[in-house]
C-alpha atoms as a PDB file:
ATOM      1  CA  MET A   1       0.032   0.214  -0.075  1.00  0.00           C
ATOM      2  CA  PHE A   2       0.943   3.164  -0.506  1.00  0.00           C
ATOM      3  CA  VAL A   3       1.415   5.757   1.639  1.00  0.00           C
ATOM      4  CA  GLU A   4       4.634   8.186   1.067  1.00  0.00           C
ATOM      5  CA  ASP A   5       4.234  12.068   0.914  1.00  0.00           C
ATOM      6  CA  PHE A   6       4.795  12.659  -3.130  1.00  0.00           C
ATOM      7  CA  GLU A   7       4.320  16.177  -4.743  1.00  0.00           C
ATOM      8  CA  VAL A   8       3.101  16.725  -8.284  1.00  0.00           C
ATOM      9  CA  ARG A   9       5.800  19.266 -10.955  1.00  0.00           C
ATOM     10  CA  ARG A  10       5.507  19.984 -13.985  1.00  0.00           C
ATOM     11  CA  THR A  11       8.919  18.239 -16.215  1.00  0.00           C
ATOM     12  CA  VAL A  12      11.754  19.768 -17.150  1.00  0.00           C
ATOM     13  CA  GLU A  13      15.061  19.193 -19.944  1.00  0.00           C
ATOM     14  CA  GLU A  14      17.188  18.259 -17.039  1.00  0.00           C
ATOM     15  CA  ASP A  15      14.361  15.327 -16.225  1.00  0.00           C
ATOM     16  CA  TRP A  16      14.571  13.524 -19.474  1.00  0.00           C
ATOM     17  CA  GLU A  17      16.501  10.427 -17.706  1.00  0.00           C
ATOM     18  CA  ARG A  18      13.945  10.191 -15.804  1.00  0.00           C
ATOM     19  CA  VAL A  19      11.156  10.567 -18.085  1.00  0.00           C
ATOM     20  CA  ARG A  20      12.535   7.777 -21.061  1.00  0.00           C
ATOM     21  CA  ASP A  21      13.211   5.846 -17.392  1.00  0.00           C
ATOM     22  CA  LEU A  22       9.159   6.429 -16.671  1.00  0.00           C
ATOM     23  CA  ARG A  23       7.659   5.482 -20.001  1.00  0.00           C
ATOM     24  CA  LEU A  24       9.777   2.680 -19.794  1.00  0.00           C
ATOM     25  CA  GLU A  25       8.547   1.410 -17.068  1.00  0.00           C
ATOM     26  CA  MET A  26       4.868   2.100 -18.373  1.00  0.00           C
ATOM     27  CA  LEU A  27       5.589   0.598 -21.256  1.00  0.00           C
ATOM     28  CA  ALA A  28       6.288  -2.935 -19.592  1.00  0.00           C
ATOM     29  CA  ASP A  29       3.847  -2.741 -16.897  1.00  0.00           C
ATOM     30  CA  THR A  30       0.669  -2.125 -19.319  1.00  0.00           C
ATOM     31  CA  PRO A  31       1.834  -2.548 -23.164  1.00  0.00           C
ATOM     32  CA  LEU A  32      -1.377  -2.209 -24.719  1.00  0.00           C
ATOM     33  CA  ALA A  33      -2.590   1.169 -22.864  1.00  0.00           C
ATOM     34  CA  TYR A  34       0.658   3.321 -25.046  1.00  0.00           C
ATOM     35  CA  LEU A  35       0.456   3.553 -28.800  1.00  0.00           C
ATOM     36  CA  GLU A  36       4.062   1.804 -28.860  1.00  0.00           C
ATOM     37  CA  THR A  37       6.052  -0.567 -27.617  1.00  0.00           C
ATOM     38  CA  LEU A  38       9.190  -0.756 -25.003  1.00  0.00           C
ATOM     39  CA  GLU A  39      11.135  -1.674 -27.956  1.00  0.00           C
ATOM     40  CA  GLN A  40      10.928   1.020 -29.753  1.00  0.00           C
ATOM     41  CA  ALA A  41      10.410   3.599 -26.794  1.00  0.00           C
ATOM     42  CA  GLY A  42      13.963   1.471 -26.216  1.00  0.00           C
ATOM     43  CA  ARG A  43      15.476   2.806 -29.499  1.00  0.00           C
ATOM     44  CA  ARG A  44      14.881   6.778 -28.557  1.00  0.00           C
ATOM     45  CA  PRO A  45      18.059   8.955 -29.228  1.00  0.00           C
ATOM     46  CA  GLU A  46      18.158  11.387 -24.926  1.00  0.00           C
ATOM     47  CA  SER A  47      17.406  14.457 -27.685  1.00  0.00           C
ATOM     48  CA  HIS A  48      13.966  12.936 -27.769  1.00  0.00           C
ATOM     49  CA  TRP A  49      13.509  12.401 -24.114  1.00  0.00           C
ATOM     50  CA  ARG A  50      15.491  15.761 -23.781  1.00  0.00           C
ATOM     51  CA  GLY A  51      12.228  17.188 -25.635  1.00  0.00           C
ATOM     52  CA  TRP A  52       9.951  14.998 -24.283  1.00  0.00           C
ATOM     53  CA  ALA A  53      11.149  16.396 -20.428  1.00  0.00           C
ATOM     54  CA  ARG A  54      11.241  19.697 -22.129  1.00  0.00           C
ATOM     55  CA  ASP A  55       8.043  20.093 -23.391  1.00  0.00           C
ATOM     56  CA  GLY A  56       6.749  19.272 -20.121  1.00  0.00           C
ATOM     57  CA  SER A  57       7.234  23.145 -19.155  1.00  0.00           C
ATOM     58  CA  SER A  58       6.594  24.592 -22.433  1.00  0.00           C
ATOM     59  CA  GLU A  59       3.132  26.340 -23.360  1.00  0.00           C
ATOM     60  CA  GLY A  60       1.813  24.636 -25.574  1.00  0.00           C
ATOM     61  CA  SER A  61       2.112  20.985 -23.673  1.00  0.00           C
ATOM     62  CA  ILE A  62       2.159  19.617 -20.185  1.00  0.00           C
ATOM     63  CA  THR A  63       3.729  16.703 -19.177  1.00  0.00           C
ATOM     64  CA  VAL A  64       2.617  16.210 -14.478  1.00  0.00           C
ATOM     65  CA  VAL A  65       4.857  13.347 -12.209  1.00  0.00           C
ATOM     66  CA  ALA A  66       4.215  12.683  -9.155  1.00  0.00           C
ATOM     67  CA  VAL A  67       7.264  12.672  -6.960  1.00  0.00           C
ATOM     68  CA  THR A  68       7.977  11.229  -3.527  1.00  0.00           C
ATOM     69  CA  ALA A  69       9.690  12.370  -0.913  1.00  0.00           C
ATOM     70  CA  SER A  70      12.206  10.012  -1.254  1.00  0.00           C
ATOM     71  CA  GLY A  71      12.747  11.123  -5.401  1.00  0.00           C
ATOM     72  CA  ARG A  72      10.555   8.146  -6.809  1.00  0.00           C
ATOM     73  CA  TRP A  73       8.410   8.486  -9.956  1.00  0.00           C
ATOM     74  CA  VAL A  74       4.956   7.145  -9.051  1.00  0.00           C
ATOM     75  CA  GLY A  75       3.296   8.657 -12.370  1.00  0.00           C
ATOM     76  CA  THR A  76       2.461  10.839 -14.723  1.00  0.00           C
ATOM     77  CA  MET A  77      -0.190  12.572 -16.959  1.00  0.00           C
ATOM     78  CA  MET A  78       0.701  14.316 -20.364  1.00  0.00           C
ATOM     79  CA  SER A  79      -2.072  16.987 -22.072  1.00  0.00           C
ATOM     80  CA  LYS A  80      -1.400  18.907 -25.559  1.00  0.00           C
ATOM     81  CA  VAL A  81      -4.067  20.849 -27.493  1.00  0.00           C
ATOM     82  CA  PRO A  82      -4.071  18.937 -31.255  1.00  0.00           C
ATOM     83  CA  ARG A  83      -4.011  21.539 -34.158  1.00  0.00           C
ATOM     84  CA  GLY A  84      -7.418  22.598 -34.673  1.00  0.00           C
ATOM     85  CA  ALA A  85      -8.745  21.363 -32.260  1.00  0.00           C
ATOM     86  CA  SER A  86     -11.132  23.000 -29.402  1.00  0.00           C
ATOM     87  CA  GLY A  87      -9.912  21.160 -26.000  1.00  0.00           C
ATOM     88  CA  ALA A  88      -7.167  19.898 -25.136  1.00  0.00           C
ATOM     89  CA  PHE A  89      -6.342  15.700 -25.612  1.00  0.00           C
ATOM     90  CA  LEU A  90      -5.027  13.673 -22.293  1.00  0.00           C
ATOM     91  CA  TYR A  91      -2.141  10.975 -23.382  1.00  0.00           C
ATOM     92  CA  GLY A  92       0.651   8.548 -21.215  1.00  0.00           C
ATOM     93  CA  VAL A  93      -1.332   8.169 -18.547  1.00  0.00           C
ATOM     94  CA  TYR A  94       0.502   5.727 -15.530  1.00  0.00           C
ATOM     95  CA  VAL A  95       0.464   5.760 -12.240  1.00  0.00           C
ATOM     96  CA  ALA A  96       3.125   3.356 -10.396  1.00  0.00           C
ATOM     97  CA  PRO A  97       1.252   0.035  -9.161  1.00  0.00           C
ATOM     98  CA  ASP A  98       1.817   0.802  -5.525  1.00  0.00           C
ATOM     99  CA  ALA A  99       0.258   3.920  -5.706  1.00  0.00           C
ATOM    100  CA  ARG A 100      -3.066   3.157  -7.373  1.00  0.00           C
ATOM    101  CA  GLY A 101      -6.571   4.309  -5.917  1.00  0.00           C
ATOM    102  CA  ARG A 102      -8.635   6.866  -4.735  1.00  0.00           C
ATOM    103  CA  ALA A 103      -5.922   6.217  -1.689  1.00  0.00           C
ATOM    104  CA  ALA A 104      -3.210   6.645  -2.860  1.00  0.00           C
ATOM    105  CA  GLY A 105      -4.219   9.829  -4.513  1.00  0.00           C
ATOM    106  CA  VAL A 106      -2.137  10.627  -7.209  1.00  0.00           C
ATOM    107  CA  THR A 107      -4.214   9.824 -10.239  1.00  0.00           C
ATOM    108  CA  ASP A 108      -6.361  12.743  -8.411  1.00  0.00           C
ATOM    109  CA  ALA A 109      -3.230  14.749  -8.245  1.00  0.00           C
ATOM    110  CA  LEU A 110      -2.392  14.443 -10.909  1.00  0.00           C
ATOM    111  CA  LEU A 111      -5.655  14.824 -13.077  1.00  0.00           C
ATOM    112  CA  GLU A 112      -6.528  18.379 -11.507  1.00  0.00           C
ATOM    113  CA  ARG A 113      -3.406  19.608 -12.944  1.00  0.00           C
ATOM    114  CA  VAL A 114      -4.143  19.050 -16.162  1.00  0.00           C
ATOM    115  CA  GLU A 115      -7.463  19.733 -15.807  1.00  0.00           C
ATOM    116  CA  SER A 116      -6.677  23.174 -14.588  1.00  0.00           C
ATOM    117  CA  TRP A 117      -4.219  23.304 -17.393  1.00  0.00           C
ATOM    118  CA  ALA A 118      -6.556  22.349 -19.770  1.00  0.00           C
ATOM    119  CA  SER A 119      -9.262  24.421 -18.597  1.00  0.00           C
ATOM    120  CA  GLU A 120      -7.415  27.272 -19.983  1.00  0.00           C
ATOM    121  CA  ARG A 121      -7.106  25.785 -23.220  1.00  0.00           C
ATOM    122  CA  GLY A 122     -11.033  25.054 -23.764  1.00  0.00           C
ATOM    123  CA  ASP A 123     -13.987  23.538 -22.044  1.00  0.00           C
ATOM    124  CA  THR A 124     -13.182  20.035 -22.928  1.00  0.00           C
ATOM    125  CA  LEU A 125     -10.538  17.470 -22.470  1.00  0.00           C
ATOM    126  CA  THR A 126     -10.428  13.756 -24.514  1.00  0.00           C
ATOM    127  CA  LEU A 127      -8.969  10.776 -24.118  1.00  0.00           C
ATOM    128  CA  GLU A 128      -8.608   7.536 -25.975  1.00  0.00           C
ATOM    129  CA  VAL A 129      -8.219   3.891 -23.904  1.00  0.00           C
ATOM    130  CA  HIS A 130      -7.793   0.401 -25.239  1.00  0.00           C
ATOM    131  CA  GLU A 131     -11.012  -0.846 -25.335  1.00  0.00           C
ATOM    132  CA  ARG A 132      -9.621  -3.727 -23.014  1.00  0.00           C
ATOM    133  CA  ASN A 133      -8.451  -1.540 -20.401  1.00  0.00           C
ATOM    134  CA  LEU A 134     -10.901  -2.183 -18.457  1.00  0.00           C
ATOM    135  CA  ARG A 135      -9.141  -1.159 -14.805  1.00  0.00           C
ATOM    136  CA  ALA A 136      -8.465   2.330 -16.486  1.00  0.00           C
ATOM    137  CA  ARG A 137     -11.581   2.616 -18.403  1.00  0.00           C
ATOM    138  CA  ALA A 138     -13.616   2.359 -15.280  1.00  0.00           C
ATOM    139  CA  ALA A 139     -10.899   5.255 -12.968  1.00  0.00           C
ATOM    140  CA  TYR A 140     -11.742   7.397 -16.402  1.00  0.00           C
ATOM    141  CA  THR A 141     -15.404   7.090 -15.743  1.00  0.00           C
ATOM    142  CA  SER A 142     -15.050   7.935 -11.778  1.00  0.00           C
ATOM    143  CA  ARG A 143     -13.140  10.985 -12.034  1.00  0.00           C
ATOM    144  CA  GLY A 144     -15.770  12.044 -14.850  1.00  0.00           C
ATOM    145  CA  PHE A 145     -15.389  11.284 -18.138  1.00  0.00           C
ATOM    146  CA  VAL A 146     -17.959   9.858 -20.258  1.00  0.00           C
ATOM    147  CA  GLU A 147     -17.095   7.612 -23.513  1.00  0.00           C
ATOM    148  CA  THR A 148     -17.728   9.407 -26.268  1.00  0.00           C
ATOM    149  CA  GLY A 149     -19.309   6.101 -28.915  1.00  0.00           C
ATOM    150  CA  ALA A 150     -16.546   6.925 -31.169  1.00  0.00           C
ATOM    151  CA  THR A 151     -13.356   4.790 -31.388  1.00  0.00           C
ATOM    152  CA  THR A 152     -10.284   4.308 -33.609  1.00  0.00           C
ATOM    153  CA  PRO A 153      -8.121   1.818 -34.522  1.00  0.00           C
ATOM    154  CA  TYR A 154      -5.462   0.922 -32.514  1.00  0.00           C
ATOM    155  CA  PRO A 155      -2.446   0.818 -34.213  1.00  0.00           C
ATOM    156  CA  LEU A 156       0.260  -1.649 -32.843  1.00  0.00           C
ATOM    157  CA  ALA A 157      -2.623  -4.567 -33.074  1.00  0.00           C
ATOM    158  CA  ALA A 158      -5.108  -4.783 -35.968  1.00  0.00           C
ATOM    159  CA  GLY A 159      -8.625  -5.312 -34.700  1.00  0.00           C
ATOM    160  CA  GLY A 160      -8.035  -3.461 -31.627  1.00  0.00           C
ATOM    161  CA  LEU A 161     -10.178  -0.110 -30.854  1.00  0.00           C
ATOM    162  CA  GLU A 162      -9.049   2.622 -28.810  1.00  0.00           C
ATOM    163  CA  VAL A 163     -11.954   4.256 -27.188  1.00  0.00           C
ATOM    164  CA  VAL A 164     -12.851   8.082 -26.801  1.00  0.00           C
ATOM    165  CA  MET A 165     -13.870   9.019 -23.631  1.00  0.00           C
ATOM    166  CA  VAL A 166     -14.212  13.318 -22.782  1.00  0.00           C
ATOM    167  CA  LYS A 167     -14.731  15.138 -19.435  1.00  0.00           C
ATOM    168  CA  ARG A 168     -16.090  18.609 -19.689  1.00  0.00           C
ATOM    169  CA  LEU A 169     -14.099  21.206 -18.046  1.00  0.00           C
ATOM    170  CA  SER A 170     -15.159  24.380 -16.254  1.00  0.00           C
ATOM    171  CA  THR A 171     -13.435  27.500 -17.444  1.00  0.00           C
END
């Protein structure tokens, strides 16, 4: 059970190694939740990870992480407003297994920070979640996201689908 205090903050370029390590942890833990494989991510150069970490504090996107008092990264979320969209899109959601659940508070703290950022850029927050990722779908539903009925193809396995969910934000 998770009991350690944590803070939520945006990433900066100097975090690139931690960003990379957490991404690899995410892909190993829940491979169907992300649109790349562990192997693909492992081949990315340092410049990719530096850019990802740097973008976390840019005007056009946000990446937040939950960092424990001991320095362990236990969760992350990122958001951007896609070109032509009227609201933000939620990507790269991950909470370490021992930090999951309402009692731990990690998911809610990360989502609150992303929603605050996203509400300044539109009135919705949209995401796609794999149709078989029932745990994530339930977590999103319990936090106010609704399934739109729309789906997109899951690019890593023929026939798989991503379910589109949206949450209305207060502006």
